[in-house]
C-alpha cells in the first residue's frame, strides 16, 4: 500500500523541519512550562486558554493557501489569465504538503515559531498536568474498569 511509504501525519512537518528549528521551538515551550510551574493558578489557566486558541502550522497554511487561490482566481478572471497559474501552483504545493509535510511556506512558518498540533498539544497536556487535571484519575491497581476510563476521558476533555 502506498501509505506505508509516507511519513506519519502527526510528525511529518517536524520531520521535514530543520532540527535546529525544532529544537528552538521545543526549548521555548519547555521554558514557558518551567516558568509556569512556579507561578500561580491564574497564569496557568490563562496560558492554557492561549494554547487552546493557538493556530497550528496546518491552519496557517490552509488560510494562506485559500487566500492565494482566491486572489489568483480573481486576478485571472479580471486582469490576466496568466494569474491562474498562482492557484495551480498553490494547490500543487498544498498537495505536496499533504503527502510529505513540506511545501515552500512551511519552513518560513516554522522559523517564525508556528507549531504543529502535536507540539501545541504537548504543551497543553503538560500545563494540564501541572494544574492537576489528572490527579483524580485512579491508579490502575485500584480501578482498571469504567471509573478509571471515565476519569481519564474527563481529564482529557477539561
N, C-alpha and C. Protein backbone atom coordinates (compact mmCIF):
# COMPACT_ATOMS: atom_id res chain seq x y z
N UNK A 1 0.84 -1.18 0.00
CA UNK A 1 0.00 0.00 0.00
C UNK A 1 0.89 1.25 0.00
N UNK A 2 0.50 2.27 -0.72
CA UNK A 2 1.31 3.47 -0.87
C UNK A 2 1.50 4.25 0.44
N UNK A 3 0.51 4.22 1.33
CA UNK A 3 0.61 4.97 2.57
C UNK A 3 1.69 4.44 3.51
N UNK A 4 2.14 3.22 3.29
CA UNK A 4 3.21 2.66 4.11
C UNK A 4 4.52 3.41 3.92
N UNK A 5 4.69 4.09 2.80
CA UNK A 5 5.92 4.79 2.48
C UNK A 5 5.86 6.27 2.82
N UNK A 6 4.74 6.72 3.34
CA UNK A 6 4.58 8.13 3.70
C UNK A 6 4.88 8.35 5.17
N UNK A 7 5.41 9.53 5.52
CA UNK A 7 5.65 9.79 6.94
C UNK A 7 4.33 9.88 7.70
N UNK A 8 4.34 9.53 8.99
CA UNK A 8 3.10 9.63 9.77
C UNK A 8 2.58 11.07 9.79
N UNK A 9 1.28 11.21 9.72
CA UNK A 9 0.66 12.54 9.71
C UNK A 9 1.08 13.37 10.91
N UNK A 10 1.15 12.76 12.08
CA UNK A 10 1.41 13.50 13.30
C UNK A 10 2.82 14.08 13.39
N UNK A 11 3.76 13.54 12.62
CA UNK A 11 5.15 14.02 12.72
C UNK A 11 5.74 14.48 11.40
N UNK A 12 4.95 14.51 10.33
CA UNK A 12 5.52 14.79 9.01
C UNK A 12 6.12 16.19 8.91
N UNK A 13 5.50 17.20 9.50
CA UNK A 13 6.05 18.56 9.42
C UNK A 13 7.33 18.65 10.24
N UNK A 14 7.33 18.08 11.43
CA UNK A 14 8.55 18.11 12.25
C UNK A 14 9.70 17.37 11.57
N UNK A 15 9.40 16.27 10.90
CA UNK A 15 10.43 15.51 10.19
C UNK A 15 11.02 16.31 9.02
N UNK A 16 10.22 17.18 8.44
CA UNK A 16 10.68 17.97 7.29
C UNK A 16 11.25 19.33 7.72
N UNK A 17 11.26 19.61 9.00
CA UNK A 17 11.79 20.87 9.53
C UNK A 17 13.23 20.65 9.98
N UNK A 18 14.08 21.65 9.77
CA UNK A 18 15.47 21.55 10.20
C UNK A 18 15.52 21.28 11.70
N UNK A 19 16.40 20.39 12.14
CA UNK A 19 16.47 20.04 13.56
C UNK A 19 16.66 21.23 14.49
N UNK A 20 17.45 22.21 14.07
CA UNK A 20 17.68 23.38 14.91
C UNK A 20 16.41 24.17 15.17
N UNK A 21 15.53 24.23 14.19
CA UNK A 21 14.26 24.93 14.36
C UNK A 21 13.36 24.15 15.31
N UNK A 22 13.30 22.84 15.14
CA UNK A 22 12.52 22.00 16.06
C UNK A 22 13.03 22.16 17.49
N UNK A 23 14.35 22.18 17.65
CA UNK A 23 14.94 22.34 18.98
C UNK A 23 14.58 23.69 19.58
N UNK A 24 14.64 24.73 18.78
CA UNK A 24 14.29 26.08 19.27
C UNK A 24 12.83 26.15 19.71
N UNK A 25 11.93 25.56 18.93
CA UNK A 25 10.51 25.55 19.28
C UNK A 25 10.29 24.76 20.57
N UNK A 26 10.92 23.61 20.67
CA UNK A 26 10.77 22.75 21.86
C UNK A 26 11.35 23.44 23.11
N UNK A 27 12.52 24.06 22.95
CA UNK A 27 13.16 24.75 24.08
C UNK A 27 12.30 25.90 24.58
N UNK A 28 11.73 26.67 23.66
CA UNK A 28 10.85 27.78 24.04
C UNK A 28 9.63 27.26 24.81
N UNK A 29 9.06 26.18 24.34
CA UNK A 29 7.92 25.57 25.03
C UNK A 29 8.32 25.10 26.43
N UNK A 30 9.45 24.41 26.52
CA UNK A 30 9.91 23.90 27.81
C UNK A 30 10.14 25.04 28.81
N UNK A 31 10.69 26.15 28.34
CA UNK A 31 10.93 27.30 29.23
C UNK A 31 9.62 27.89 29.73
N UNK A 32 8.63 27.99 28.84
CA UNK A 32 7.31 28.51 29.26
C UNK A 32 6.69 27.61 30.32
N UNK A 33 6.77 26.31 30.11
CA UNK A 33 6.20 25.36 31.06
C UNK A 33 6.92 25.47 32.40
N UNK A 34 8.25 25.53 32.37
CA UNK A 34 9.03 25.63 33.61
C UNK A 34 8.68 26.92 34.37
N UNK A 35 8.51 28.01 33.65
CA UNK A 35 8.17 29.27 34.30
C UNK A 35 6.79 29.21 34.94
N UNK A 36 5.86 28.54 34.29
CA UNK A 36 4.51 28.45 34.83
C UNK A 36 4.40 27.44 35.97
N UNK A 37 5.34 26.51 36.04
CA UNK A 37 5.32 25.53 37.13
C UNK A 37 5.49 26.22 38.47
N UNK A 38 6.15 27.37 38.47
CA UNK A 38 6.40 28.12 39.70
C UNK A 38 5.34 29.19 39.94
N UNK A 39 4.49 29.42 38.94
CA UNK A 39 3.54 30.53 39.00
C UNK A 39 2.23 30.17 39.67
N UNK A 40 1.31 31.13 39.56
CA UNK A 40 0.01 30.93 40.19
C UNK A 40 -0.98 30.25 39.24
N UNK A 41 -2.08 29.81 39.80
CA UNK A 41 -3.10 29.07 39.04
C UNK A 41 -3.71 29.93 37.93
N UNK A 42 -3.88 31.22 38.18
CA UNK A 42 -4.48 32.10 37.17
C UNK A 42 -3.59 32.20 35.93
N UNK A 43 -2.29 32.30 36.13
CA UNK A 43 -1.36 32.36 34.99
C UNK A 43 -1.38 31.06 34.20
N UNK A 44 -1.47 29.96 34.92
CA UNK A 44 -1.54 28.65 34.28
C UNK A 44 -2.82 28.52 33.45
N UNK A 45 -3.95 28.92 34.03
CA UNK A 45 -5.22 28.88 33.30
C UNK A 45 -5.18 29.77 32.07
N UNK A 46 -4.59 30.96 32.21
CA UNK A 46 -4.51 31.89 31.08
C UNK A 46 -3.67 31.31 29.95
N UNK A 47 -2.57 30.67 30.29
CA UNK A 47 -1.72 30.08 29.26
C UNK A 47 -2.42 28.92 28.57
N UNK A 48 -3.15 28.11 29.33
CA UNK A 48 -3.90 27.01 28.71
C UNK A 48 -4.92 27.57 27.72
N UNK A 49 -5.60 28.65 28.09
CA UNK A 49 -6.56 29.27 27.15
C UNK A 49 -5.85 29.78 25.90
N UNK A 50 -4.68 30.39 26.07
CA UNK A 50 -3.91 30.87 24.92
C UNK A 50 -3.50 29.72 24.00
N UNK A 51 -3.03 28.64 24.60
CA UNK A 51 -2.59 27.48 23.82
C UNK A 51 -3.77 26.88 23.05
N UNK A 52 -4.94 26.84 23.68
CA UNK A 52 -6.12 26.28 23.02
C UNK A 52 -6.58 27.13 21.83
N UNK A 53 -6.22 28.41 21.81
CA UNK A 53 -6.59 29.29 20.69
C UNK A 53 -5.49 29.41 19.63
N UNK A 54 -4.33 28.86 19.91
CA UNK A 54 -3.18 28.99 19.01
C UNK A 54 -3.43 28.28 17.68
N UNK A 55 -3.08 28.96 16.60
CA UNK A 55 -3.19 28.35 15.27
C UNK A 55 -1.96 27.48 15.03
N UNK A 56 -2.19 26.26 14.56
CA UNK A 56 -1.08 25.38 14.22
C UNK A 56 -0.66 25.62 12.77
N UNK A 57 0.44 25.02 12.38
CA UNK A 57 1.01 25.24 11.06
C UNK A 57 0.03 24.82 9.95
N UNK A 58 -0.75 23.77 10.19
CA UNK A 58 -1.72 23.34 9.18
C UNK A 58 -2.77 24.41 8.93
N UNK A 59 -3.29 24.99 10.01
CA UNK A 59 -4.33 26.01 9.87
C UNK A 59 -3.78 27.27 9.19
N UNK A 60 -2.57 27.66 9.56
CA UNK A 60 -1.95 28.83 8.93
C UNK A 60 -1.75 28.57 7.44
N UNK A 61 -1.27 27.37 7.12
CA UNK A 61 -1.05 27.01 5.72
C UNK A 61 -2.37 27.01 4.94
N UNK A 62 -3.42 26.45 5.52
CA UNK A 62 -4.73 26.41 4.87
C UNK A 62 -5.27 27.81 4.62
N UNK A 63 -5.15 28.69 5.60
CA UNK A 63 -5.65 30.06 5.45
C UNK A 63 -4.87 30.80 4.35
N UNK A 64 -3.55 30.63 4.35
CA UNK A 64 -2.73 31.29 3.33
C UNK A 64 -3.00 30.72 1.95
N UNK A 65 -3.11 29.41 1.85
CA UNK A 65 -3.36 28.78 0.55
C UNK A 65 -4.70 29.23 -0.01
N UNK A 66 -5.74 29.23 0.82
CA UNK A 66 -7.05 29.62 0.31
C UNK A 66 -7.06 31.09 -0.12
N UNK A 67 -6.35 31.93 0.61
CA UNK A 67 -6.27 33.35 0.23
C UNK A 67 -5.57 33.52 -1.12
N UNK A 68 -4.46 32.79 -1.30
CA UNK A 68 -3.73 32.91 -2.57
C UNK A 68 -4.50 32.32 -3.74
N UNK A 69 -5.21 31.22 -3.50
CA UNK A 69 -6.03 30.62 -4.57
C UNK A 69 -7.14 31.59 -4.97
N UNK A 70 -7.79 32.19 -4.00
CA UNK A 70 -8.86 33.16 -4.28
C UNK A 70 -8.30 34.37 -5.02
N UNK A 71 -7.18 34.90 -4.54
CA UNK A 71 -6.57 36.06 -5.19
C UNK A 71 -6.17 35.74 -6.63
N UNK A 72 -5.51 34.60 -6.83
CA UNK A 72 -5.09 34.22 -8.18
C UNK A 72 -6.27 34.01 -9.12
N UNK A 73 -7.34 33.43 -8.60
CA UNK A 73 -8.53 33.20 -9.41
C UNK A 73 -9.18 34.53 -9.81
N UNK A 74 -9.30 35.44 -8.84
CA UNK A 74 -9.90 36.75 -9.14
C UNK A 74 -9.05 37.54 -10.14
N UNK A 75 -7.74 37.54 -9.92
CA UNK A 75 -6.86 38.25 -10.84
C UNK A 75 -6.87 37.59 -12.23
N UNK A 76 -6.95 36.27 -12.25
CA UNK A 76 -7.02 35.56 -13.53
C UNK A 76 -8.29 35.87 -14.28
N UNK A 77 -9.38 36.04 -13.57
CA UNK A 77 -10.67 36.33 -14.21
C UNK A 77 -10.79 37.78 -14.64
N UNK A 78 -10.16 38.69 -13.92
CA UNK A 78 -10.36 40.13 -14.17
C UNK A 78 -9.19 40.85 -14.82
N UNK A 79 -7.97 40.34 -14.62
CA UNK A 79 -6.80 41.07 -15.10
C UNK A 79 -6.11 40.35 -16.25
N UNK A 80 -5.62 39.15 -15.97
CA UNK A 80 -4.86 38.41 -16.97
C UNK A 80 -4.95 36.92 -16.62
N UNK A 81 -5.22 36.12 -17.62
CA UNK A 81 -5.38 34.67 -17.38
C UNK A 81 -4.12 34.03 -16.82
N UNK A 82 -2.98 34.64 -17.03
CA UNK A 82 -1.73 34.06 -16.51
C UNK A 82 -1.72 34.01 -14.98
N UNK A 83 -2.52 34.85 -14.35
CA UNK A 83 -2.63 34.80 -12.89
C UNK A 83 -3.24 33.48 -12.41
N UNK A 84 -3.89 32.75 -13.30
CA UNK A 84 -4.45 31.44 -12.93
C UNK A 84 -3.36 30.42 -12.61
N UNK A 85 -2.12 30.73 -12.98
CA UNK A 85 -1.01 29.85 -12.61
C UNK A 85 -0.77 29.88 -11.10
N UNK A 86 -1.12 30.98 -10.44
CA UNK A 86 -0.93 31.08 -8.99
C UNK A 86 -1.76 30.02 -8.25
N UNK A 87 -3.08 29.93 -8.48
CA UNK A 87 -3.81 28.87 -7.78
C UNK A 87 -3.35 27.46 -8.14
N UNK A 88 -2.92 27.26 -9.38
CA UNK A 88 -2.42 25.95 -9.78
C UNK A 88 -1.17 25.60 -8.98
N UNK A 89 -0.24 26.55 -8.87
CA UNK A 89 0.99 26.32 -8.11
C UNK A 89 0.69 26.10 -6.63
N UNK A 90 -0.18 26.94 -6.08
CA UNK A 90 -0.51 26.82 -4.66
C UNK A 90 -1.12 25.46 -4.37
N UNK A 91 -2.05 25.03 -5.19
CA UNK A 91 -2.70 23.74 -4.95
C UNK A 91 -1.74 22.57 -5.16
N UNK A 92 -0.81 22.71 -6.09
CA UNK A 92 0.21 21.67 -6.27
C UNK A 92 1.08 21.57 -5.02
N UNK A 93 1.50 22.72 -4.50
CA UNK A 93 2.31 22.71 -3.28
C UNK A 93 1.49 22.20 -2.08
N UNK A 94 0.22 22.52 -2.06
CA UNK A 94 -0.65 22.07 -0.98
C UNK A 94 -0.78 20.54 -1.01
N UNK A 95 -0.86 19.99 -2.21
CA UNK A 95 -0.88 18.53 -2.35
C UNK A 95 0.43 17.91 -1.90
N UNK A 96 1.55 18.55 -2.23
CA UNK A 96 2.86 18.08 -1.79
C UNK A 96 2.93 18.08 -0.27
N UNK A 97 2.40 19.13 0.33
CA UNK A 97 2.39 19.21 1.79
C UNK A 97 1.55 18.09 2.39
N UNK A 98 0.42 17.79 1.80
CA UNK A 98 -0.44 16.72 2.32
C UNK A 98 0.29 15.38 2.31
N UNK A 99 1.12 15.17 1.32
CA UNK A 99 1.83 13.90 1.19
C UNK A 99 3.11 13.87 2.03
N UNK A 100 3.93 14.92 1.92
CA UNK A 100 5.25 14.90 2.55
C UNK A 100 5.34 15.71 3.84
N UNK A 101 4.47 16.70 4.02
CA UNK A 101 4.60 17.57 5.18
C UNK A 101 5.48 18.78 4.90
N UNK A 102 5.78 19.01 3.64
CA UNK A 102 6.63 20.14 3.28
C UNK A 102 6.04 20.84 2.07
N UNK A 103 6.15 22.15 2.04
CA UNK A 103 5.92 22.99 0.87
C UNK A 103 6.63 24.31 1.16
N UNK A 104 6.84 25.16 0.17
CA UNK A 104 7.68 26.34 0.37
C UNK A 104 7.35 27.23 1.58
N UNK A 105 6.09 27.48 1.94
CA UNK A 105 5.87 28.36 3.09
C UNK A 105 6.14 27.72 4.45
N UNK A 106 6.15 26.40 4.53
CA UNK A 106 6.28 25.73 5.83
C UNK A 106 7.58 26.10 6.54
N UNK A 107 8.74 26.08 5.88
CA UNK A 107 9.97 26.48 6.59
C UNK A 107 9.90 27.92 7.13
N UNK A 108 9.24 28.79 6.39
CA UNK A 108 9.07 30.19 6.85
C UNK A 108 8.21 30.22 8.11
N UNK A 109 7.10 29.51 8.09
CA UNK A 109 6.21 29.46 9.26
C UNK A 109 6.93 28.86 10.46
N UNK A 110 7.69 27.80 10.23
CA UNK A 110 8.39 27.14 11.33
C UNK A 110 9.46 28.05 11.92
N UNK A 111 10.19 28.78 11.06
CA UNK A 111 11.19 29.72 11.58
C UNK A 111 10.54 30.79 12.43
N UNK A 112 9.30 31.14 12.11
CA UNK A 112 8.56 32.13 12.90
C UNK A 112 7.98 31.52 14.18
N UNK A 113 8.19 30.22 14.38
CA UNK A 113 7.77 29.57 15.61
C UNK A 113 6.38 28.99 15.58
N UNK A 114 5.77 28.89 14.41
CA UNK A 114 4.43 28.30 14.32
C UNK A 114 4.57 26.79 14.50
N UNK A 115 3.81 26.28 15.46
CA UNK A 115 3.96 24.89 15.89
C UNK A 115 2.95 23.96 15.22
N UNK A 116 3.26 22.68 15.30
CA UNK A 116 2.35 21.65 14.83
C UNK A 116 1.30 21.39 15.92
N UNK A 117 0.24 20.69 15.57
CA UNK A 117 -0.78 20.31 16.55
C UNK A 117 -0.12 19.50 17.67
N UNK A 118 0.74 18.60 17.31
CA UNK A 118 1.41 17.75 18.29
C UNK A 118 2.23 18.58 19.29
N UNK A 119 2.93 19.59 18.81
CA UNK A 119 3.73 20.45 19.69
C UNK A 119 2.83 21.28 20.61
N UNK A 120 1.73 21.76 20.06
CA UNK A 120 0.78 22.53 20.87
C UNK A 120 0.15 21.65 21.93
N UNK A 121 -0.28 20.46 21.53
CA UNK A 121 -0.90 19.54 22.49
C UNK A 121 0.08 19.09 23.56
N UNK A 122 1.34 18.96 23.22
CA UNK A 122 2.36 18.61 24.22
C UNK A 122 2.38 19.65 25.34
N UNK A 123 2.39 20.92 24.95
CA UNK A 123 2.37 21.98 25.96
C UNK A 123 1.06 21.97 26.74
N UNK A 124 -0.04 21.81 26.05
CA UNK A 124 -1.35 21.85 26.72
C UNK A 124 -1.46 20.75 27.77
N UNK A 125 -1.05 19.54 27.42
CA UNK A 125 -1.15 18.44 28.38
C UNK A 125 -0.16 18.60 29.53
N UNK A 126 1.01 19.15 29.26
CA UNK A 126 1.96 19.42 30.35
C UNK A 126 1.36 20.45 31.32
N UNK A 127 0.74 21.49 30.78
CA UNK A 127 0.12 22.50 31.63
C UNK A 127 -1.06 21.93 32.42
N UNK A 128 -1.84 21.08 31.77
CA UNK A 128 -2.96 20.44 32.46
C UNK A 128 -2.46 19.54 33.59
N UNK A 129 -1.36 18.86 33.36
CA UNK A 129 -0.79 18.01 34.41
C UNK A 129 -0.31 18.87 35.57
N UNK A 130 0.34 20.01 35.26
CA UNK A 130 0.78 20.92 36.33
C UNK A 130 -0.41 21.46 37.12
N UNK A 131 -1.50 21.71 36.43
CA UNK A 131 -2.70 22.25 37.08
C UNK A 131 -3.38 21.19 37.94
N UNK A 132 -3.08 19.92 37.69
CA UNK A 132 -3.66 18.85 38.49
C UNK A 132 -4.86 18.18 37.85
N UNK A 133 -5.06 18.40 36.56
CA UNK A 133 -6.22 17.82 35.88
C UNK A 133 -6.25 16.29 35.92
N UNK A 134 -5.09 15.67 36.08
CA UNK A 134 -5.02 14.21 36.04
C UNK A 134 -4.89 13.59 37.43
N UNK A 135 -4.92 14.43 38.46
CA UNK A 135 -4.74 13.93 39.83
C UNK A 135 -5.88 13.02 40.29
N UNK A 136 -7.08 13.21 39.73
CA UNK A 136 -8.23 12.42 40.16
C UNK A 136 -8.37 11.09 39.44
N UNK A 137 -7.45 10.79 38.53
CA UNK A 137 -7.51 9.52 37.80
C UNK A 137 -7.00 8.42 38.73
N UNK A 138 -7.84 7.41 38.98
CA UNK A 138 -7.42 6.32 39.87
C UNK A 138 -6.24 5.55 39.30
N UNK A 139 -5.41 5.03 40.18
CA UNK A 139 -4.29 4.19 39.77
C UNK A 139 -4.84 2.90 39.15
N UNK A 140 -4.12 2.30 38.20
CA UNK A 140 -4.62 1.08 37.56
C UNK A 140 -4.90 -0.05 38.55
N UNK A 141 -4.10 -0.13 39.59
CA UNK A 141 -4.29 -1.21 40.57
C UNK A 141 -5.61 -1.03 41.33
N UNK A 142 -6.03 0.23 41.54
CA UNK A 142 -7.23 0.49 42.33
C UNK A 142 -8.50 0.39 41.51
N UNK A 143 -8.41 0.69 40.22
CA UNK A 143 -9.61 0.61 39.38
C UNK A 143 -9.20 0.46 37.92
N UNK A 144 -9.33 -0.71 37.39
CA UNK A 144 -8.99 -0.97 35.99
C UNK A 144 -10.23 -0.89 35.12
N UNK A 145 -11.36 -0.51 35.69
CA UNK A 145 -12.62 -0.54 34.96
C UNK A 145 -13.09 0.80 34.44
N UNK A 146 -14.39 0.93 34.38
CA UNK A 146 -15.03 2.08 33.73
C UNK A 146 -14.81 3.39 34.49
N UNK A 147 -14.62 3.34 35.81
CA UNK A 147 -14.39 4.58 36.57
C UNK A 147 -13.07 5.20 36.13
N UNK A 148 -12.04 4.42 36.00
CA UNK A 148 -10.73 4.92 35.55
C UNK A 148 -10.83 5.49 34.13
N UNK A 149 -11.47 4.76 33.27
CA UNK A 149 -11.62 5.22 31.88
C UNK A 149 -12.39 6.53 31.84
N UNK A 150 -13.49 6.61 32.56
CA UNK A 150 -14.28 7.84 32.61
C UNK A 150 -13.46 9.00 33.19
N UNK A 151 -12.67 8.74 34.22
CA UNK A 151 -11.82 9.76 34.82
C UNK A 151 -10.76 10.27 33.84
N UNK A 152 -10.17 9.35 33.12
CA UNK A 152 -9.15 9.72 32.12
C UNK A 152 -9.78 10.61 31.05
N UNK A 153 -10.93 10.19 30.52
CA UNK A 153 -11.59 10.97 29.46
C UNK A 153 -12.04 12.34 29.97
N UNK A 154 -12.53 12.41 31.18
CA UNK A 154 -12.93 13.70 31.74
C UNK A 154 -11.72 14.63 31.88
N UNK A 155 -10.58 14.09 32.33
CA UNK A 155 -9.37 14.89 32.48
C UNK A 155 -8.88 15.41 31.12
N UNK A 156 -8.95 14.57 30.12
CA UNK A 156 -8.51 14.97 28.77
C UNK A 156 -9.45 16.03 28.20
N UNK A 157 -10.73 15.89 28.47
CA UNK A 157 -11.71 16.83 27.90
C UNK A 157 -11.72 18.20 28.58
N UNK A 158 -11.18 18.30 29.79
CA UNK A 158 -11.17 19.59 30.51
C UNK A 158 -10.44 20.64 29.77
